[in-house]
Amino acid sequence: MIDAAKVSAAYRDPETLILRDAGAILSVAGMLAEWLDLLACPLGFMGGAFLNVIGLPSERLIGAGGFQLSAKQA
């Protein structure tokens, strides 16, 4: 999740920066998972529906992806 209010205070089109940051974090998470001999599956989503479920303010925060980690089967 990203604090959209802080990003929009400094950038004209904050969504582009948010998506680039999320992509960079997901790619590093994938490389770390490989290094740790785990599997990582990036999950692309955008918005605040999930934030409402876990009780966070969706008017300020934006969900910008995630990933699922699992062990490799032998």
PDB file of N, CA and C in Angstrom:
ATOM      1  N   MET A   1       0.837  -1.159   0.000  1.00  0.00           N
ATOM      2  CA  MET A   1       0.000   0.000   0.000  1.00  0.00           C
ATOM      3  C   MET A   1       0.889   1.231   0.000  1.00  0.00           C
ATOM      4  N   ILE A   2       0.387   2.278  -0.595  1.00  0.00           N
ATOM      5  CA  ILE A   2       1.140   3.511  -0.753  1.00  0.00           C
ATOM      6  C   ILE A   2       0.273   4.668  -0.275  1.00  0.00           C
ATOM      7  N   ASP A   3       0.907   5.618   0.393  1.00  0.00           N
ATOM      8  CA  ASP A   3       0.223   6.818   0.847  1.00  0.00           C
ATOM      9  C   ASP A   3       0.112   7.786  -0.332  1.00  0.00           C
ATOM     10  N   ALA A   4      -1.022   7.797  -0.982  1.00  0.00           N
ATOM     11  CA  ALA A   4      -1.227   8.596  -2.185  1.00  0.00           C
ATOM     12  C   ALA A   4      -1.184  10.089  -1.899  1.00  0.00           C
ATOM     13  N   ALA A   5      -1.552  10.499  -0.706  1.00  0.00           N
ATOM     14  CA  ALA A   5      -1.538  11.923  -0.370  1.00  0.00           C
ATOM     15  C   ALA A   5      -0.119  12.471  -0.398  1.00  0.00           C
ATOM     16  N   LYS A   6       0.830  11.713   0.115  1.00  0.00           N
ATOM     17  CA  LYS A   6       2.223  12.163   0.109  1.00  0.00           C
ATOM     18  C   LYS A   6       2.792  12.192  -1.300  1.00  0.00           C
ATOM     19  N   VAL A   7       2.480  11.198  -2.113  1.00  0.00           N
ATOM     20  CA  VAL A   7       2.999  11.150  -3.479  1.00  0.00           C
ATOM     21  C   VAL A   7       2.387  12.272  -4.311  1.00  0.00           C
ATOM     22  N   SER A   8       1.096  12.501  -4.171  1.00  0.00           N
ATOM     23  CA  SER A   8       0.442  13.537  -4.972  1.00  0.00           C
ATOM     24  C   SER A   8       0.861  14.943  -4.549  1.00  0.00           C
ATOM     25  N   ALA A   9       1.409  15.109  -3.349  1.00  0.00           N
ATOM     26  CA  ALA A   9       1.892  16.414  -2.920  1.00  0.00           C
ATOM     27  C   ALA A   9       3.142  16.825  -3.696  1.00  0.00           C
ATOM     28  N   ALA A  10       3.865  15.861  -4.234  1.00  0.00           N
ATOM     29  CA  ALA A  10       5.117  16.167  -4.922  1.00  0.00           C
ATOM     30  C   ALA A  10       5.077  15.900  -6.426  1.00  0.00           C
ATOM     31  N   TYR A  11       4.087  15.155  -6.920  1.00  0.00           N
ATOM     32  CA  TYR A  11       4.045  14.765  -8.337  1.00  0.00           C
ATOM     33  C   TYR A  11       2.688  15.083  -8.942  1.00  0.00           C
ATOM     34  N   ARG A  12       2.703  15.441 -10.214  1.00  0.00           N
ATOM     35  CA  ARG A  12       1.470  15.779 -10.923  1.00  0.00           C
ATOM     36  C   ARG A  12       0.621  14.546 -11.208  1.00  0.00           C
ATOM     37  N   ASP A  13       1.217  13.470 -11.675  1.00  0.00           N
ATOM     38  CA  ASP A  13       0.505  12.215 -11.952  1.00  0.00           C
ATOM     39  C   ASP A  13       1.032  11.134 -11.015  1.00  0.00           C
ATOM     40  N   PRO A  14       0.537  11.085  -9.790  1.00  0.00           N
ATOM     41  CA  PRO A  14       1.119  10.170  -8.798  1.00  0.00           C
ATOM     42  C   PRO A  14       0.939   8.692  -9.132  1.00  0.00           C
ATOM     43  N   GLU A  15      -0.081   8.336  -9.922  1.00  0.00           N
ATOM     44  CA  GLU A  15      -0.328   6.928 -10.226  1.00  0.00           C
ATOM     45  C   GLU A  15       0.847   6.295 -10.963  1.00  0.00           C
ATOM     46  N   THR A  16       1.496   7.045 -11.845  1.00  0.00           N
ATOM     47  CA  THR A  16       2.619   6.478 -12.597  1.00  0.00           C
ATOM     48  C   THR A  16       3.787   6.155 -11.667  1.00  0.00           C
ATOM     49  N   LEU A  17       4.071   7.041 -10.733  1.00  0.00           N
ATOM     50  CA  LEU A  17       5.151   6.783  -9.780  1.00  0.00           C
ATOM     51  C   LEU A  17       4.789   5.621  -8.859  1.00  0.00           C
ATOM     52  N   ILE A  18       3.543   5.560  -8.439  1.00  0.00           N
ATOM     53  CA  ILE A  18       3.087   4.474  -7.565  1.00  0.00           C
ATOM     54  C   ILE A  18       3.268   3.130  -8.258  1.00  0.00           C
ATOM     55  N   LEU A  19       2.872   3.037  -9.530  1.00  0.00           N
ATOM     56  CA  LEU A  19       2.997   1.772 -10.251  1.00  0.00           C
ATOM     57  C   LEU A  19       4.453   1.406 -10.503  1.00  0.00           C
ATOM     58  N   ARG A  20       5.306   2.390 -10.792  1.00  0.00           N
ATOM     59  CA  ARG A  20       6.729   2.088 -10.991  1.00  0.00           C
ATOM     60  C   ARG A  20       7.369   1.602  -9.690  1.00  0.00           C
ATOM     61  N   ASP A  21       7.042   2.242  -8.577  1.00  0.00           N
ATOM     62  CA  ASP A  21       7.583   1.796  -7.292  1.00  0.00           C
ATOM     63  C   ASP A  21       7.110   0.389  -6.942  1.00  0.00           C
ATOM     64  N   ALA A  22       5.832   0.127  -7.166  1.00  0.00           N
ATOM     65  CA  ALA A  22       5.297  -1.208  -6.879  1.00  0.00           C
ATOM     66  C   ALA A  22       5.987  -2.258  -7.743  1.00  0.00           C
ATOM     67  N   GLY A  23       6.214  -1.945  -9.014  1.00  0.00           N
ATOM     68  CA  GLY A  23       6.909  -2.883  -9.896  1.00  0.00           C
ATOM     69  C   GLY A  23       8.335  -3.144  -9.466  1.00  0.00           C
ATOM     70  N   ALA A  24       9.022  -2.097  -9.017  1.00  0.00           N
ATOM     71  CA  ALA A  24      10.400  -2.273  -8.544  1.00  0.00           C
ATOM     72  C   ALA A  24      10.446  -3.145  -7.297  1.00  0.00           C
ATOM     73  N   ILE A  25       9.523  -2.919  -6.377  1.00  0.00           N
ATOM     74  CA  ILE A  25       9.492  -3.715  -5.140  1.00  0.00           C
ATOM     75  C   ILE A  25       9.151  -5.167  -5.449  1.00  0.00           C
ATOM     76  N   LEU A  26       8.199  -5.395  -6.350  1.00  0.00           N
ATOM     77  CA  LEU A  26       7.823  -6.767  -6.698  1.00  0.00           C
ATOM     78  C   LEU A  26       8.965  -7.510  -7.383  1.00  0.00           C
ATOM     79  N   SER A  27       9.719  -6.831  -8.225  1.00  0.00           N
ATOM     80  CA  SER A  27      10.829  -7.515  -8.896  1.00  0.00           C
ATOM     81  C   SER A  27      11.930  -7.877  -7.908  1.00  0.00           C
ATOM     82  N   VAL A  28      12.212  -7.006  -6.958  1.00  0.00           N
ATOM     83  CA  VAL A  28      13.216  -7.320  -5.925  1.00  0.00           C
ATOM     84  C   VAL A  28      12.720  -8.467  -5.046  1.00  0.00           C
ATOM     85  N   ALA A  29      11.435  -8.462  -4.713  1.00  0.00           N
ATOM     86  CA  ALA A  29      10.877  -9.564  -3.912  1.00  0.00           C
ATOM     87  C   ALA A  29      11.001 -10.885  -4.661  1.00  0.00           C
ATOM     88  N   GLY A  30      10.791 -10.873  -5.972  1.00  0.00           N
ATOM     89  CA  GLY A  30      10.949 -12.094  -6.765  1.00  0.00           C
ATOM     90  C   GLY A  30      12.381 -12.591  -6.778  1.00  0.00           C
ATOM     91  N   MET A  31      13.344 -11.676  -6.896  1.00  0.00           N
ATOM     92  CA  MET A  31      14.751 -12.080  -6.875  1.00  0.00           C
ATOM     93  C   MET A  31      15.158 -12.619  -5.502  1.00  0.00           C
ATOM     94  N   LEU A  32      14.670 -11.984  -4.445  1.00  0.00           N
ATOM     95  CA  LEU A  32      14.974 -12.486  -3.101  1.00  0.00           C
ATOM     96  C   LEU A  32      14.352 -13.856  -2.859  1.00  0.00           C
ATOM     97  N   ALA A  33      13.153 -14.064  -3.354  1.00  0.00           N
ATOM     98  CA  ALA A  33      12.505 -15.372  -3.206  1.00  0.00           C
ATOM     99  C   ALA A  33      13.320 -16.440  -3.917  1.00  0.00           C
ATOM    100  N   GLU A  34      13.800 -16.143  -5.105  1.00  0.00           N
ATOM    101  CA  GLU A  34      14.629 -17.105  -5.843  1.00  0.00           C
ATOM    102  C   GLU A  34      15.918 -17.400  -5.076  1.00  0.00           C
ATOM    103  N   TRP A  35      16.527 -16.376  -4.537  1.00  0.00           N
ATOM    104  CA  TRP A  35      17.765 -16.537  -3.771  1.00  0.00           C
ATOM    105  C   TRP A  35      17.535 -17.406  -2.534  1.00  0.00           C
ATOM    106  N   LEU A  36      16.350 -17.285  -1.921  1.00  0.00           N
ATOM    107  CA  LEU A  36      16.001 -18.074  -0.735  1.00  0.00           C
ATOM    108  C   LEU A  36      15.386 -19.420  -1.090  1.00  0.00           C
ATOM    109  N   ASP A  37      15.387 -19.761  -2.387  1.00  0.00           N
ATOM    110  CA  ASP A  37      14.826 -21.016  -2.886  1.00  0.00           C
ATOM    111  C   ASP A  37      13.327 -21.133  -2.579  1.00  0.00           C
ATOM    112  N   LEU A  38      12.613 -20.025  -2.762  1.00  0.00           N
ATOM    113  CA  LEU A  38      11.166 -19.970  -2.598  1.00  0.00           C
ATOM    114  C   LEU A  38      10.533 -19.596  -3.932  1.00  0.00           C
ATOM    115  N   LEU A  39       9.236 -19.713  -4.002  1.00  0.00           N
ATOM    116  CA  LEU A  39       8.485 -19.266  -5.168  1.00  0.00           C
ATOM    117  C   LEU A  39       7.758 -17.975  -4.808  1.00  0.00           C
ATOM    118  N   ALA A  40       7.731 -17.024  -5.723  1.00  0.00           N
ATOM    119  CA  ALA A  40       6.992 -15.779  -5.511  1.00  0.00           C
ATOM    120  C   ALA A  40       6.091 -15.541  -6.710  1.00  0.00           C
ATOM    121  N   CYS A  41       4.854 -15.227  -6.435  1.00  0.00           N
ATOM    122  CA  CYS A  41       3.889 -14.948  -7.494  1.00  0.00           C
ATOM    123  C   CYS A  41       3.375 -13.519  -7.298  1.00  0.00           C
ATOM    124  N   PRO A  42       3.707 -12.605  -8.224  1.00  0.00           N
ATOM    125  CA  PRO A  42       3.195 -11.238  -8.085  1.00  0.00           C
ATOM    126  C   PRO A  42       1.690 -11.187  -8.310  1.00  0.00           C
ATOM    127  N   LEU A  43       1.019 -10.391  -7.517  1.00  0.00           N
ATOM    128  CA  LEU A  43      -0.428 -10.223  -7.617  1.00  0.00           C
ATOM    129  C   LEU A  43      -0.705  -8.767  -7.951  1.00  0.00           C
ATOM    130  N   GLY A  44      -1.218  -8.500  -9.107  1.00  0.00           N
ATOM    131  CA  GLY A  44      -1.477  -7.126  -9.508  1.00  0.00           C
ATOM    132  C   GLY A  44      -2.886  -6.698  -9.152  1.00  0.00           C
ATOM    133  N   PHE A  45      -2.986  -5.677  -8.367  1.00  0.00           N
ATOM    134  CA  PHE A  45      -4.279  -5.068  -8.080  1.00  0.00           C
ATOM    135  C   PHE A  45      -4.055  -3.607  -7.745  1.00  0.00           C
ATOM    136  N   MET A  46      -5.084  -2.834  -7.915  1.00  0.00           N
ATOM    137  CA  MET A  46      -4.994  -1.409  -7.654  1.00  0.00           C
ATOM    138  C   MET A  46      -6.295  -0.983  -7.003  1.00  0.00           C
ATOM    139  N   GLY A  47      -6.226  -0.170  -5.977  1.00  0.00           N
ATOM    140  CA  GLY A  47      -7.446   0.348  -5.373  1.00  0.00           C
ATOM    141  C   GLY A  47      -7.485   0.175  -3.877  1.00  0.00           C
ATOM    142  N   GLY A  48      -8.643   0.445  -3.310  1.00  0.00           N
ATOM    143  CA  GLY A  48      -8.772   0.454  -1.872  1.00  0.00           C
ATOM    144  C   GLY A  48      -9.733  -0.561  -1.299  1.00  0.00           C
ATOM    145  N   ALA A  49     -10.296  -1.434  -2.109  1.00  0.00           N
ATOM    146  CA  ALA A  49     -11.285  -2.392  -1.597  1.00  0.00           C
ATOM    147  C   ALA A  49     -10.683  -3.283  -0.512  1.00  0.00           C
ATOM    148  N   PHE A  50      -9.467  -3.755  -0.734  1.00  0.00           N
ATOM    149  CA  PHE A  50      -8.821  -4.611   0.260  1.00  0.00           C
ATOM    150  C   PHE A  50      -8.516  -3.826   1.531  1.00  0.00           C
ATOM    151  N   LEU A  51      -8.166  -2.561   1.389  1.00  0.00           N
ATOM    152  CA  LEU A  51      -7.861  -1.739   2.563  1.00  0.00           C
ATOM    153  C   LEU A  51      -9.074  -1.588   3.465  1.00  0.00           C
ATOM    154  N   ASN A  52     -10.259  -1.477   2.875  1.00  0.00           N
ATOM    155  CA  ASN A  52     -11.483  -1.394   3.678  1.00  0.00           C
ATOM    156  C   ASN A  52     -11.692  -2.660   4.495  1.00  0.00           C
ATOM    157  N   VAL A  53     -11.353  -3.801   3.910  1.00  0.00           N
ATOM    158  CA  VAL A  53     -11.541  -5.080   4.599  1.00  0.00           C
ATOM    159  C   VAL A  53     -10.657  -5.157   5.838  1.00  0.00           C
ATOM    160  N   ILE A  54      -9.424  -4.661   5.744  1.00  0.00           N
ATOM    161  CA  ILE A  54      -8.508  -4.746   6.896  1.00  0.00           C
ATOM    162  C   ILE A  54      -8.551  -3.500   7.778  1.00  0.00           C
ATOM    163  N   GLY A  55      -9.459  -2.563   7.474  1.00  0.00           N
ATOM    164  CA  GLY A  55      -9.701  -1.427   8.352  1.00  0.00           C
ATOM    165  C   GLY A  55      -8.767  -0.243   8.186  1.00  0.00           C
ATOM    166  N   LEU A  56      -8.150  -0.081   7.021  1.00  0.00           N
ATOM    167  CA  LEU A  56      -7.271   1.068   6.777  1.00  0.00           C
ATOM    168  C   LEU A  56      -8.006   2.112   5.940  1.00  0.00           C
ATOM    169  N   PRO A  57      -7.612   3.379   6.050  1.00  0.00           N
ATOM    170  CA  PRO A  57      -8.329   4.435   5.318  1.00  0.00           C
ATOM    171  C   PRO A  57      -8.052   4.396   3.819  1.00  0.00           C
ATOM    172  N   SER A  58      -9.051   4.031   3.028  1.00  0.00           N
ATOM    173  CA  SER A  58      -8.871   3.913   1.580  1.00  0.00           C
ATOM    174  C   SER A  58      -8.909   5.262   0.875  1.00  0.00           C
ATOM    175  N   GLU A  59      -9.311   6.333   1.580  1.00  0.00           N
ATOM    176  CA  GLU A  59      -9.297   7.643   0.936  1.00  0.00           C
ATOM    177  C   GLU A  59      -7.882   8.219   0.861  1.00  0.00           C
ATOM    178  N   ARG A  60      -6.977   7.709   1.672  1.00  0.00           N
ATOM    179  CA  ARG A  60      -5.589   8.190   1.650  1.00  0.00           C
ATOM    180  C   ARG A  60      -4.619   7.152   1.085  1.00  0.00           C
ATOM    181  N   LEU A  61      -4.825   5.897   1.411  1.00  0.00           N
ATOM    182  CA  LEU A  61      -3.923   4.834   0.987  1.00  0.00           C
ATOM    183  C   LEU A  61      -4.444   4.156  -0.271  1.00  0.00           C
ATOM    184  N   ILE A  62      -3.525   3.643  -1.086  1.00  0.00           N
ATOM    185  CA  ILE A  62      -3.889   2.908  -2.298  1.00  0.00           C
ATOM    186  C   ILE A  62      -3.185   1.557  -2.270  1.00  0.00           C
ATOM    187  N   GLY A  63      -3.934   0.495  -2.481  1.00  0.00           N
ATOM    188  CA  GLY A  63      -3.329  -0.819  -2.642  1.00  0.00           C
ATOM    189  C   GLY A  63      -2.700  -0.905  -4.019  1.00  0.00           C
ATOM    190  N   ALA A  64      -1.441  -1.323  -4.073  1.00  0.00           N
ATOM    191  CA  ALA A  64      -0.726  -1.312  -5.365  1.00  0.00           C
ATOM    192  C   ALA A  64      -0.008  -2.622  -5.615  1.00  0.00           C
ATOM    193  N   GLY A  65      -0.678  -3.722  -5.394  1.00  0.00           N
ATOM    194  CA  GLY A  65      -0.080  -5.012  -5.698  1.00  0.00           C
ATOM    195  C   GLY A  65       0.344  -5.774  -4.458  1.00  0.00           C
ATOM    196  N   GLY A  66       0.817  -6.953  -4.678  1.00  0.00           N
ATOM    197  CA  GLY A  66       1.282  -7.810  -3.599  1.00  0.00           C
ATOM    198  C   GLY A  66       1.949  -9.025  -4.195  1.00  0.00           C
ATOM    199  N   PHE A  67       2.362  -9.927  -3.347  1.00  0.00           N
ATOM    200  CA  PHE A  67       2.929 -11.171  -3.840  1.00  0.00           C
ATOM    201  C   PHE A  67       2.685 -12.273  -2.838  1.00  0.00           C
ATOM    202  N   GLN A  68       2.660 -13.473  -3.366  1.00  0.00           N
ATOM    203  CA  GLN A  68       2.447 -14.664  -2.546  1.00  0.00           C
ATOM    204  C   GLN A  68       3.753 -15.449  -2.558  1.00  0.00           C
ATOM    205  N   LEU A  69       4.218 -15.821  -1.386  1.00  0.00           N
ATOM    206  CA  LEU A  69       5.420 -16.645  -1.251  1.00  0.00           C
ATOM    207  C   LEU A  69       5.020 -18.060  -0.885  1.00  0.00           C
ATOM    208  N   SER A  70       5.723 -19.020  -1.447  1.00  0.00           N
ATOM    209  CA  SER A  70       5.503 -20.412  -1.092  1.00  0.00           C
ATOM    210  C   SER A  70       6.800 -21.182  -1.258  1.00  0.00           C
ATOM    211  N   ALA A  71       6.850 -22.323  -0.635  1.00  0.00           N
ATOM    212  CA  ALA A  71       8.026 -23.184  -0.735  1.00  0.00           C
ATOM    213  C   ALA A  71       7.971 -24.000  -2.021  1.00  0.00           C
ATOM    214  N   LYS A  72       9.130 -24.292  -2.565  1.00  0.00           N
ATOM    215  CA  LYS A  72       9.194 -25.175  -3.729  1.00  0.00           C
ATOM    216  C   LYS A  72       8.980 -26.599  -3.270  1.00  0.00           C
ATOM    217  N   GLN A  73       8.253 -27.377  -4.043  1.00  0.00           N
ATOM    218  CA  GLN A  73       8.031 -28.764  -3.690  1.00  0.00           C
ATOM    219  C   GLN A  73       9.212 -29.586  -4.157  1.00  0.00           C
ATOM    220  N   ALA A  74       9.579 -30.555  -3.354  1.00  0.00           N
ATOM    221  CA  ALA A  74      10.729 -31.399  -3.683  1.00  0.00           C
ATOM    222  C   ALA A  74      10.427 -32.397  -4.759  1.00  0.00           C
TER     223      ALA A  74
END
